[in-house]
Amino acid sequence: MYMFLPFLLALFAVITTLYGKYKTSYTLWVLLSVTTVAWFIHHATDSLNLSF
């Protein structure tokens, strides 16, 4: 998975908020929230295969 995606979505959400594009901004904030929760569920339910 692309770990930069939440940061990129947050950047675009902030930029659209500053430019006053509120409908796009709300959409990006919702996408950011869904992405963050989905990655949390993915990483919280799967075991990590670490070998040290």
N, C-alpha and C. Protein backbone atom coordinates (compact mmCIF):
# COMPACT_ATOMS: atom_id res chain seq x y z
N MET A 1 0.85 -1.18 0.00
CA MET A 1 0.00 0.00 0.00
C MET A 1 0.88 1.24 0.00
N TYR A 2 0.35 2.26 -0.50
CA TYR A 2 1.09 3.51 -0.61
C TYR A 2 0.91 4.32 0.67
N MET A 3 1.96 4.43 1.44
CA MET A 3 1.86 5.07 2.75
C MET A 3 1.81 6.59 2.66
N PHE A 4 2.12 7.16 1.50
CA PHE A 4 2.06 8.60 1.36
C PHE A 4 0.65 9.09 1.06
N LEU A 5 -0.28 8.20 0.76
CA LEU A 5 -1.63 8.59 0.36
C LEU A 5 -2.36 9.43 1.41
N PRO A 6 -2.35 9.08 2.70
CA PRO A 6 -3.04 9.94 3.67
C PRO A 6 -2.45 11.35 3.74
N PHE A 7 -1.13 11.43 3.63
CA PHE A 7 -0.49 12.74 3.68
C PHE A 7 -0.83 13.56 2.44
N LEU A 8 -0.88 12.92 1.30
CA LEU A 8 -1.23 13.60 0.06
C LEU A 8 -2.68 14.07 0.10
N LEU A 9 -3.57 13.22 0.59
CA LEU A 9 -4.98 13.61 0.73
C LEU A 9 -5.14 14.77 1.71
N ALA A 10 -4.40 14.73 2.81
CA ALA A 10 -4.47 15.82 3.78
C ALA A 10 -3.96 17.12 3.18
N LEU A 11 -2.88 17.05 2.42
CA LEU A 11 -2.34 18.25 1.77
C LEU A 11 -3.36 18.85 0.81
N PHE A 12 -3.95 18.02 -0.05
CA PHE A 12 -4.95 18.53 -0.98
C PHE A 12 -6.19 19.04 -0.26
N ALA A 13 -6.57 18.41 0.83
CA ALA A 13 -7.73 18.87 1.59
C ALA A 13 -7.47 20.24 2.19
N VAL A 14 -6.28 20.45 2.72
CA VAL A 14 -5.94 21.76 3.29
C VAL A 14 -5.87 22.82 2.20
N ILE A 15 -5.27 22.48 1.07
CA ILE A 15 -5.17 23.45 -0.03
C ILE A 15 -6.55 23.84 -0.54
N THR A 16 -7.44 22.86 -0.72
CA THR A 16 -8.78 23.19 -1.20
C THR A 16 -9.58 23.97 -0.16
N THR A 17 -9.32 23.73 1.11
CA THR A 17 -9.97 24.51 2.16
C THR A 17 -9.51 25.96 2.11
N LEU A 18 -8.22 26.16 1.93
CA LEU A 18 -7.68 27.52 1.87
C LEU A 18 -8.18 28.28 0.65
N TYR A 19 -8.40 27.59 -0.46
CA TYR A 19 -8.89 28.24 -1.67
C TYR A 19 -10.41 28.37 -1.70
N GLY A 20 -11.09 27.87 -0.68
CA GLY A 20 -12.53 28.05 -0.58
C GLY A 20 -13.36 27.06 -1.37
N LYS A 21 -12.79 25.97 -1.80
CA LYS A 21 -13.52 24.92 -2.53
C LYS A 21 -14.07 23.94 -1.50
N TYR A 22 -15.17 24.33 -0.87
CA TYR A 22 -15.64 23.59 0.30
C TYR A 22 -16.19 22.21 -0.03
N LYS A 23 -16.89 22.06 -1.13
CA LYS A 23 -17.43 20.74 -1.47
C LYS A 23 -16.30 19.75 -1.75
N THR A 24 -15.31 20.18 -2.50
CA THR A 24 -14.14 19.33 -2.77
C THR A 24 -13.38 19.06 -1.48
N SER A 25 -13.29 20.07 -0.64
CA SER A 25 -12.57 19.93 0.63
C SER A 25 -13.24 18.89 1.53
N TYR A 26 -14.56 18.96 1.65
CA TYR A 26 -15.27 17.98 2.47
C TYR A 26 -15.10 16.56 1.91
N THR A 27 -15.14 16.44 0.60
CA THR A 27 -14.95 15.14 -0.03
C THR A 27 -13.57 14.58 0.28
N LEU A 28 -12.55 15.42 0.20
CA LEU A 28 -11.19 14.96 0.48
C LEU A 28 -11.01 14.61 1.96
N TRP A 29 -11.64 15.38 2.86
CA TRP A 29 -11.55 15.05 4.29
C TRP A 29 -12.21 13.70 4.58
N VAL A 30 -13.34 13.43 3.92
CA VAL A 30 -14.02 12.14 4.10
C VAL A 30 -13.16 11.01 3.55
N LEU A 31 -12.57 11.22 2.37
CA LEU A 31 -11.67 10.20 1.81
C LEU A 31 -10.47 9.96 2.71
N LEU A 32 -9.94 11.02 3.29
CA LEU A 32 -8.82 10.89 4.22
C LEU A 32 -9.23 10.07 5.44
N SER A 33 -10.40 10.35 5.98
CA SER A 33 -10.87 9.61 7.16
C SER A 33 -11.09 8.13 6.83
N VAL A 34 -11.70 7.85 5.69
CA VAL A 34 -11.95 6.47 5.29
C VAL A 34 -10.63 5.73 5.06
N THR A 35 -9.69 6.38 4.41
CA THR A 35 -8.38 5.77 4.17
C THR A 35 -7.66 5.47 5.47
N THR A 36 -7.69 6.41 6.40
CA THR A 36 -7.01 6.22 7.68
C THR A 36 -7.63 5.08 8.47
N VAL A 37 -8.95 5.02 8.52
CA VAL A 37 -9.63 3.95 9.25
C VAL A 37 -9.38 2.60 8.57
N ALA A 38 -9.41 2.57 7.24
CA ALA A 38 -9.17 1.32 6.52
C ALA A 38 -7.76 0.80 6.78
N TRP A 39 -6.77 1.68 6.79
CA TRP A 39 -5.40 1.24 7.06
C TRP A 39 -5.23 0.82 8.51
N PHE A 40 -5.95 1.48 9.42
CA PHE A 40 -5.89 1.05 10.82
C PHE A 40 -6.46 -0.35 10.97
N ILE A 41 -7.61 -0.59 10.35
CA ILE A 41 -8.22 -1.92 10.43
C ILE A 41 -7.31 -2.97 9.79
N HIS A 42 -6.71 -2.63 8.67
CA HIS A 42 -5.81 -3.56 7.99
C HIS A 42 -4.61 -3.91 8.86
N HIS A 43 -4.01 -2.92 9.48
CA HIS A 43 -2.82 -3.17 10.28
C HIS A 43 -3.13 -3.68 11.69
N ALA A 44 -4.32 -3.40 12.18
CA ALA A 44 -4.67 -3.86 13.53
C ALA A 44 -5.13 -5.32 13.52
N THR A 45 -5.60 -5.81 12.38
CA THR A 45 -6.12 -7.17 12.34
C THR A 45 -5.13 -8.17 11.76
N ASP A 46 -4.16 -7.72 10.99
CA ASP A 46 -3.15 -8.62 10.42
C ASP A 46 -1.94 -8.67 11.33
N SER A 47 -1.39 -9.87 11.45
CA SER A 47 -0.17 -9.99 12.23
C SER A 47 1.02 -9.63 11.35
N LEU A 48 2.00 -9.03 11.97
CA LEU A 48 3.21 -8.66 11.25
C LEU A 48 4.22 -9.80 11.32
N ASN A 49 4.78 -10.14 10.21
CA ASN A 49 5.80 -11.19 10.16
C ASN A 49 7.17 -10.54 10.29
N LEU A 50 7.61 -10.39 11.51
CA LEU A 50 8.91 -9.77 11.76
C LEU A 50 9.90 -10.83 12.20
N SER A 51 11.08 -10.77 11.65
CA SER A 51 12.13 -11.67 12.12
C SER A 51 13.37 -10.83 12.39
N PHE A 52 13.85 -10.93 13.60
CA PHE A 52 15.02 -10.15 14.00
C PHE A 52 16.20 -11.05 14.20
